[in-house]
Amino acid sequence: AAKNIALPIIFHGLWDYISLSEITKTYP
């Protein structure tokens, strides 16, 4: 839709930040 790879990279980075942080251990 965007014809730009930057948006999926940003979304993936945000997802990794959330999923790799310790937040799931602190707040199951």
PDB file of all heavy atoms in Angstrom:
ATOM      1  N   ALA A   1       0.822  -1.206   0.000  1.00  0.00           N
ATOM      2  CA  ALA A   1       0.000   0.000   0.000  1.00  0.00           C
ATOM      3  C   ALA A   1       0.859   1.261   0.000  1.00  0.00           C
ATOM      4  O   ALA A   1       0.554   2.227  -0.699  1.00  0.00           O
ATOM      5  CB  ALA A   1      -0.935   0.002   1.204  1.00  0.00           C
ATOM      6  N   ALA A   2       1.947   1.243   0.772  1.00  0.00           N
ATOM      7  CA  ALA A   2       2.779   2.438   0.904  1.00  0.00           C
ATOM      8  C   ALA A   2       3.883   2.505  -0.140  1.00  0.00           C
ATOM      9  O   ALA A   2       4.460   3.569  -0.359  1.00  0.00           O
ATOM     10  CB  ALA A   2       3.406   2.486   2.301  1.00  0.00           C
ATOM     11  N   LYS A   3       4.192   1.360  -0.755  1.00  0.00           N
ATOM     12  CA  LYS A   3       5.316   1.279  -1.702  1.00  0.00           C
ATOM     13  C   LYS A   3       6.609   1.777  -1.053  1.00  0.00           C
ATOM     14  O   LYS A   3       7.426   2.449  -1.669  1.00  0.00           O
ATOM     15  CB  LYS A   3       5.036   2.071  -2.981  1.00  0.00           C
ATOM     16  CG  LYS A   3       3.812   1.660  -3.730  1.00  0.00           C
ATOM     17  CD  LYS A   3       4.004   0.340  -4.395  1.00  0.00           C
ATOM     18  CE  LYS A   3       2.815   0.051  -5.296  1.00  0.00           C
ATOM     19  NZ  LYS A   3       2.427  -1.305  -5.319  1.00  0.00           N
ATOM     20  N   ASN A   4       6.749   1.457   0.235  1.00  0.00           N
ATOM     21  CA  ASN A   4       7.901   1.917   1.006  1.00  0.00           C
ATOM     22  C   ASN A   4       8.200   0.871   2.070  1.00  0.00           C
ATOM     23  O   ASN A   4       7.313   0.493   2.830  1.00  0.00           O
ATOM     24  CB  ASN A   4       7.572   3.267   1.649  1.00  0.00           C
ATOM     25  CG  ASN A   4       8.757   3.900   2.314  1.00  0.00           C
ATOM     26  OD1 ASN A   4       9.714   3.235   2.700  1.00  0.00           O
ATOM     27  ND2 ASN A   4       8.692   5.211   2.479  1.00  0.00           N
ATOM     28  N   ILE A   5       9.440   0.431   2.152  1.00  0.00           N
ATOM     29  CA  ILE A   5       9.819  -0.599   3.111  1.00  0.00           C
ATOM     30  C   ILE A   5       9.994  -0.045   4.526  1.00  0.00           C
ATOM     31  O   ILE A   5       9.995  -0.801   5.498  1.00  0.00           O
ATOM     32  CB  ILE A   5      11.111  -1.324   2.636  1.00  0.00           C
ATOM     33  CG1 ILE A   5      11.347  -2.628   3.410  1.00  0.00           C
ATOM     34  CG2 ILE A   5      12.327  -0.424   2.757  1.00  0.00           C
ATOM     35  CD1 ILE A   5      10.369  -3.705   3.129  1.00  0.00           C
ATOM     36  N   ALA A   6      10.091   1.264   4.667  1.00  0.00           N
ATOM     37  CA  ALA A   6      10.353   1.867   5.980  1.00  0.00           C
ATOM     38  C   ALA A   6       9.245   1.581   6.988  1.00  0.00           C
ATOM     39  O   ALA A   6       9.528   1.280   8.152  1.00  0.00           O
ATOM     40  CB  ALA A   6      10.566   3.367   5.852  1.00  0.00           C
ATOM     41  N   LEU A   7       7.992   1.672   6.581  1.00  0.00           N
ATOM     42  CA  LEU A   7       6.888   1.442   7.521  1.00  0.00           C
ATOM     43  C   LEU A   7       6.880   0.030   8.102  1.00  0.00           C
ATOM     44  O   LEU A   7       6.785  -0.127   9.323  1.00  0.00           O
ATOM     45  CB  LEU A   7       5.550   1.763   6.875  1.00  0.00           C
ATOM     46  CG  LEU A   7       5.237   3.245   6.723  1.00  0.00           C
ATOM     47  CD1 LEU A   7       3.937   3.443   5.958  1.00  0.00           C
ATOM     48  CD2 LEU A   7       5.154   3.917   8.074  1.00  0.00           C
ATOM     49  N   PRO A   8       6.999  -1.017   7.280  1.00  0.00           N
ATOM     50  CA  PRO A   8       7.052  -2.354   7.881  1.00  0.00           C
ATOM     51  C   PRO A   8       8.264  -2.540   8.800  1.00  0.00           C
ATOM     52  O   PRO A   8       8.165  -3.216   9.825  1.00  0.00           O
ATOM     53  CB  PRO A   8       7.141  -3.303   6.681  1.00  0.00           C
ATOM     54  CG  PRO A   8       6.590  -2.536   5.547  1.00  0.00           C
ATOM     55  CD  PRO A   8       6.900  -1.100   5.822  1.00  0.00           C
ATOM     56  N   ILE A   9       9.382  -1.920   8.472  1.00  0.00           N
ATOM     57  CA  ILE A   9      10.565  -2.014   9.335  1.00  0.00           C
ATOM     58  C   ILE A   9      10.292  -1.346  10.681  1.00  0.00           C
ATOM     59  O   ILE A   9      10.631  -1.883  11.742  1.00  0.00           O
ATOM     60  CB  ILE A   9      11.804  -1.402   8.641  1.00  0.00           C
ATOM     61  CG1 ILE A   9      12.235  -2.296   7.482  1.00  0.00           C
ATOM     62  CG2 ILE A   9      12.941  -1.203   9.635  1.00  0.00           C
ATOM     63  CD1 ILE A   9      13.332  -1.697   6.612  1.00  0.00           C
ATOM     64  N   ILE A  10       9.661  -0.195  10.650  1.00  0.00           N
ATOM     65  CA  ILE A  10       9.331   0.515  11.901  1.00  0.00           C
ATOM     66  C   ILE A  10       8.343  -0.305  12.726  1.00  0.00           C
ATOM     67  O   ILE A  10       8.525  -0.479  13.938  1.00  0.00           O
ATOM     68  CB  ILE A  10       8.777   1.923  11.601  1.00  0.00           C
ATOM     69  CG1 ILE A  10       9.892   2.808  11.050  1.00  0.00           C
ATOM     70  CG2 ILE A  10       8.147   2.544  12.846  1.00  0.00           C
ATOM     71  CD1 ILE A  10       9.410   4.113  10.453  1.00  0.00           C
ATOM     72  N   PHE A  11       7.299  -0.842  12.080  1.00  0.00           N
ATOM     73  CA  PHE A  11       6.322  -1.660  12.800  1.00  0.00           C
ATOM     74  C   PHE A  11       6.985  -2.893  13.412  1.00  0.00           C
ATOM     75  O   PHE A  11       6.708  -3.259  14.545  1.00  0.00           O
ATOM     76  CB  PHE A  11       5.176  -2.090  11.886  1.00  0.00           C
ATOM     77  CG  PHE A  11       4.263  -0.969  11.472  1.00  0.00           C
ATOM     78  CD1 PHE A  11       3.549  -1.054  10.296  1.00  0.00           C
ATOM     79  CD2 PHE A  11       4.093   0.156  12.256  1.00  0.00           C
ATOM     80  CE1 PHE A  11       2.694  -0.039   9.906  1.00  0.00           C
ATOM     81  CE2 PHE A  11       3.247   1.186  11.883  1.00  0.00           C
ATOM     82  CZ  PHE A  11       2.543   1.076  10.704  1.00  0.00           C
ATOM     83  N   HIS A  12       7.863  -3.527  12.653  1.00  0.00           N
ATOM     84  CA  HIS A  12       8.560  -4.714  13.157  1.00  0.00           C
ATOM     85  C   HIS A  12       9.450  -4.341  14.342  1.00  0.00           C
ATOM     86  O   HIS A  12       9.500  -5.068  15.340  1.00  0.00           O
ATOM     87  CB  HIS A  12       9.384  -5.364  12.044  1.00  0.00           C
ATOM     88  CG  HIS A  12       9.960  -6.687  12.419  1.00  0.00           C
ATOM     89  ND1 HIS A  12      11.056  -6.808  13.238  1.00  0.00           N
ATOM     90  CD2 HIS A  12       9.595  -7.939  12.076  1.00  0.00           C
ATOM     91  CE1 HIS A  12      11.341  -8.092  13.393  1.00  0.00           C
ATOM     92  NE2 HIS A  12      10.464  -8.807  12.691  1.00  0.00           N
ATOM     93  N   GLY A  13      10.136  -3.219  14.252  1.00  0.00           N
ATOM     94  CA  GLY A  13      10.978  -2.768  15.358  1.00  0.00           C
ATOM     95  C   GLY A  13      10.181  -2.490  16.621  1.00  0.00           C
ATOM     96  O   GLY A  13      10.600  -2.866  17.727  1.00  0.00           O
ATOM     97  N   LEU A  14       9.033  -1.851  16.464  1.00  0.00           N
ATOM     98  CA  LEU A  14       8.175  -1.595  17.624  1.00  0.00           C
ATOM     99  C   LEU A  14       7.666  -2.903  18.234  1.00  0.00           C
ATOM    100  O   LEU A  14       7.634  -3.068  19.457  1.00  0.00           O
ATOM    101  CB  LEU A  14       6.994  -0.695  17.236  1.00  0.00           C
ATOM    102  CG  LEU A  14       7.347   0.754  16.917  1.00  0.00           C
ATOM    103  CD1 LEU A  14       6.137   1.478  16.327  1.00  0.00           C
ATOM    104  CD2 LEU A  14       7.848   1.467  18.151  1.00  0.00           C
ATOM    105  N   TRP A  15       7.269  -3.828  17.378  1.00  0.00           N
ATOM    106  CA  TRP A  15       6.797  -5.124  17.852  1.00  0.00           C
ATOM    107  C   TRP A  15       7.912  -5.852  18.618  1.00  0.00           C
ATOM    108  O   TRP A  15       7.676  -6.409  19.692  1.00  0.00           O
ATOM    109  CB  TRP A  15       6.318  -5.978  16.692  1.00  0.00           C
ATOM    110  CG  TRP A  15       5.821  -7.310  17.137  1.00  0.00           C
ATOM    111  CD1 TRP A  15       6.518  -8.482  17.151  1.00  0.00           C
ATOM    112  CD2 TRP A  15       4.543  -7.606  17.679  1.00  0.00           C
ATOM    113  NE1 TRP A  15       5.734  -9.483  17.655  1.00  0.00           N
ATOM    114  CE2 TRP A  15       4.511  -8.966  17.997  1.00  0.00           C
ATOM    115  CE3 TRP A  15       3.396  -6.828  17.928  1.00  0.00           C
ATOM    116  CZ2 TRP A  15       3.404  -9.592  18.541  1.00  0.00           C
ATOM    117  CZ3 TRP A  15       2.300  -7.463  18.473  1.00  0.00           C
ATOM    118  CH2 TRP A  15       2.304  -8.816  18.770  1.00  0.00           C
ATOM    119  N   ASP A  16       9.125  -5.844  18.061  1.00  0.00           N
ATOM    120  CA  ASP A  16      10.250  -6.497  18.741  1.00  0.00           C
ATOM    121  C   ASP A  16      10.541  -5.836  20.080  1.00  0.00           C
ATOM    122  O   ASP A  16      10.840  -6.521  21.055  1.00  0.00           O
ATOM    123  CB  ASP A  16      11.507  -6.472  17.871  1.00  0.00           C
ATOM    124  CG  ASP A  16      11.482  -7.529  16.783  1.00  0.00           C
ATOM    125  OD1 ASP A  16      10.584  -8.401  16.818  1.00  0.00           O
ATOM    126  OD2 ASP A  16      12.360  -7.490  15.907  1.00  0.00           O
ATOM    127  N   TYR A  17      10.458  -4.533  20.115  1.00  0.00           N
ATOM    128  CA  TYR A  17      10.707  -3.834  21.380  1.00  0.00           C
ATOM    129  C   TYR A  17       9.712  -4.288  22.451  1.00  0.00           C
ATOM    130  O   TYR A  17      10.096  -4.600  23.580  1.00  0.00           O
ATOM    131  CB  TYR A  17      10.618  -2.316  21.185  1.00  0.00           C
ATOM    132  CG  TYR A  17      10.753  -1.568  22.487  1.00  0.00           C
ATOM    133  CD1 TYR A  17      11.990  -1.421  23.097  1.00  0.00           C
ATOM    134  CD2 TYR A  17       9.633  -1.035  23.111  1.00  0.00           C
ATOM    135  CE1 TYR A  17      12.116  -0.758  24.296  1.00  0.00           C
ATOM    136  CE2 TYR A  17       9.746  -0.366  24.321  1.00  0.00           C
ATOM    137  CZ  TYR A  17      10.984  -0.230  24.910  1.00  0.00           C
ATOM    138  OH  TYR A  17      11.107   0.425  26.102  1.00  0.00           O
ATOM    139  N   ILE A  18       8.438  -4.361  22.078  1.00  0.00           N
ATOM    140  CA  ILE A  18       7.415  -4.780  23.039  1.00  0.00           C
ATOM    141  C   ILE A  18       7.605  -6.247  23.436  1.00  0.00           C
ATOM    142  O   ILE A  18       7.579  -6.599  24.610  1.00  0.00           O
ATOM    143  CB  ILE A  18       6.002  -4.558  22.476  1.00  0.00           C
ATOM    144  CG1 ILE A  18       5.718  -3.066  22.366  1.00  0.00           C
ATOM    145  CG2 ILE A  18       4.947  -5.254  23.323  1.00  0.00           C
ATOM    146  CD1 ILE A  18       4.476  -2.727  21.560  1.00  0.00           C
ATOM    147  N   SER A  19       7.816  -7.097  22.440  1.00  0.00           N
ATOM    148  CA  SER A  19       7.877  -8.528  22.736  1.00  0.00           C
ATOM    149  C   SER A  19       9.187  -8.959  23.391  1.00  0.00           C
ATOM    150  O   SER A  19       9.209  -9.952  24.117  1.00  0.00           O
ATOM    151  CB  SER A  19       7.617  -9.351  21.478  1.00  0.00           C
ATOM    152  OG  SER A  19       8.617  -9.118  20.524  1.00  0.00           O
ATOM    153  N   LEU A  20      10.269  -8.238  23.151  1.00  0.00           N
ATOM    154  CA  LEU A  20      11.557  -8.627  23.725  1.00  0.00           C
ATOM    155  C   LEU A  20      11.855  -7.945  25.055  1.00  0.00           C
ATOM    156  O   LEU A  20      12.798  -8.325  25.744  1.00  0.00           O
ATOM    157  CB  LEU A  20      12.695  -8.352  22.736  1.00  0.00           C
ATOM    158  CG  LEU A  20      12.641  -9.170  21.444  1.00  0.00           C
ATOM    159  CD1 LEU A  20      13.732  -8.735  20.487  1.00  0.00           C
ATOM    160  CD2 LEU A  20      12.701 -10.654  21.716  1.00  0.00           C
ATOM    161  N   SER A  21      11.059  -6.960  25.388  1.00  0.00           N
ATOM    162  CA  SER A  21      11.259  -6.310  26.682  1.00  0.00           C
ATOM    163  C   SER A  21      10.751  -7.243  27.778  1.00  0.00           C
ATOM    164  O   SER A  21      10.094  -8.242  27.510  1.00  0.00           O
ATOM    165  CB  SER A  21      10.533  -4.966  26.736  1.00  0.00           C
ATOM    166  OG  SER A  21       9.144  -5.157  26.737  1.00  0.00           O
ATOM    167  N   GLU A  22      11.030  -6.923  28.973  1.00  0.00           N
ATOM    168  CA  GLU A  22      10.628  -7.759  30.111  1.00  0.00           C
ATOM    169  C   GLU A  22       9.192  -7.489  30.558  1.00  0.00           C
ATOM    170  O   GLU A  22       8.777  -7.993  31.607  1.00  0.00           O
ATOM    171  CB  GLU A  22      11.593  -7.518  31.277  1.00  0.00           C
ATOM    172  CG  GLU A  22      13.032  -7.912  30.968  1.00  0.00           C
ATOM    173  CD  GLU A  22      13.205  -9.413  30.786  1.00  0.00           C
ATOM    174  OE1 GLU A  22      12.604 -10.175  31.549  1.00  0.00           O
ATOM    175  OE2 GLU A  22      13.932  -9.811  29.866  1.00  0.00           O
ATOM    176  N   ILE A  23       8.442  -6.739  29.786  1.00  0.00           N
ATOM    177  CA  ILE A  23       7.098  -6.358  30.205  1.00  0.00           C
ATOM    178  C   ILE A  23       6.185  -7.574  30.382  1.00  0.00           C
ATOM    179  O   ILE A  23       5.339  -7.591  31.260  1.00  0.00           O
ATOM    180  CB  ILE A  23       6.470  -5.331  29.240  1.00  0.00           C
ATOM    181  CG1 ILE A  23       5.225  -4.711  29.878  1.00  0.00           C
ATOM    182  CG2 ILE A  23       6.152  -5.960  27.904  1.00  0.00           C
ATOM    183  CD1 ILE A  23       4.722  -3.489  29.168  1.00  0.00           C
ATOM    184  N   THR A  24       6.379  -8.620  29.564  1.00  0.00           N
ATOM    185  CA  THR A  24       5.505  -9.793  29.686  1.00  0.00           C
ATOM    186  C   THR A  24       5.798 -10.581  30.958  1.00  0.00           C
ATOM    187  O   THR A  24       4.916 -11.286  31.454  1.00  0.00           O
ATOM    188  CB  THR A  24       5.630 -10.714  28.458  1.00  0.00           C
ATOM    189  OG1 THR A  24       6.987 -11.097  28.295  1.00  0.00           O
ATOM    190  CG2 THR A  24       5.136 -10.012  27.212  1.00  0.00           C
ATOM    191  N   LYS A  25       7.005 -10.473  31.449  1.00  0.00           N
ATOM    192  CA  LYS A  25       7.322 -11.133  32.721  1.00  0.00           C
ATOM    193  C   LYS A  25       6.793 -10.327  33.897  1.00  0.00           C
ATOM    194  O   LYS A  25       6.332 -10.877  34.888  1.00  0.00           O
ATOM    195  CB  LYS A  25       8.829 -11.343  32.853  1.00  0.00           C
ATOM    196  CG  LYS A  25       9.359 -12.372  31.888  1.00  0.00           C
ATOM    197  CD  LYS A  25      10.849 -12.575  32.059  1.00  0.00           C
ATOM    198  CE  LYS A  25      11.338 -13.582  31.038  1.00  0.00           C
ATOM    199  NZ  LYS A  25      12.771 -13.743  31.069  1.00  0.00           N
ATOM    200  N   THR A  26       6.874  -9.016  33.770  1.00  0.00           N
ATOM    201  CA  THR A  26       6.377  -8.140  34.832  1.00  0.00           C
ATOM    202  C   THR A  26       4.854  -8.131  34.878  1.00  0.00           C
ATOM    203  O   THR A  26       4.256  -8.157  35.948  1.00  0.00           O
ATOM    204  CB  THR A  26       6.895  -6.702  34.622  1.00  0.00           C
ATOM    205  OG1 THR A  26       8.316  -6.737  34.482  1.00  0.00           O
ATOM    206  CG2 THR A  26       6.537  -5.809  35.788  1.00  0.00           C
ATOM    207  N   TYR A  27       4.252  -8.089  33.710  1.00  0.00           N
ATOM    208  CA  TYR A  27       2.788  -8.047  33.593  1.00  0.00           C
ATOM    209  C   TYR A  27       2.327  -9.173  32.660  1.00  0.00           C
ATOM    210  O   TYR A  27       2.169  -8.966  31.460  1.00  0.00           O
ATOM    211  CB  TYR A  27       2.328  -6.703  33.035  1.00  0.00           C
ATOM    212  CG  TYR A  27       2.807  -5.520  33.833  1.00  0.00           C
ATOM    213  CD1 TYR A  27       3.878  -4.746  33.397  1.00  0.00           C
ATOM    214  CD2 TYR A  27       2.183  -5.181  35.036  1.00  0.00           C
ATOM    215  CE1 TYR A  27       4.325  -3.660  34.140  1.00  0.00           C
ATOM    216  CE2 TYR A  27       2.627  -4.098  35.779  1.00  0.00           C
ATOM    217  CZ  TYR A  27       3.701  -3.350  35.327  1.00  0.00           C
ATOM    218  OH  TYR A  27       4.125  -2.277  36.060  1.00  0.00           O
ATOM    219  N   PRO A  28       2.091 -10.376  33.179  1.00  0.00           N
ATOM    220  CA  PRO A  28       1.705 -11.519  32.331  1.00  0.00           C
ATOM    221  C   PRO A  28       0.438 -11.285  31.500  1.00  0.00           C
ATOM    222  O   PRO A  28       0.267 -11.910  30.459  1.00  0.00           O
ATOM    223  CB  PRO A  28       1.478 -12.658  33.337  1.00  0.00           C
ATOM    224  CG  PRO A  28       2.238 -12.257  34.546  1.00  0.00           C
ATOM    225  CD  PRO A  28       2.222 -10.752  34.576  1.00  0.00           C
TER     226      PRO A  28
END
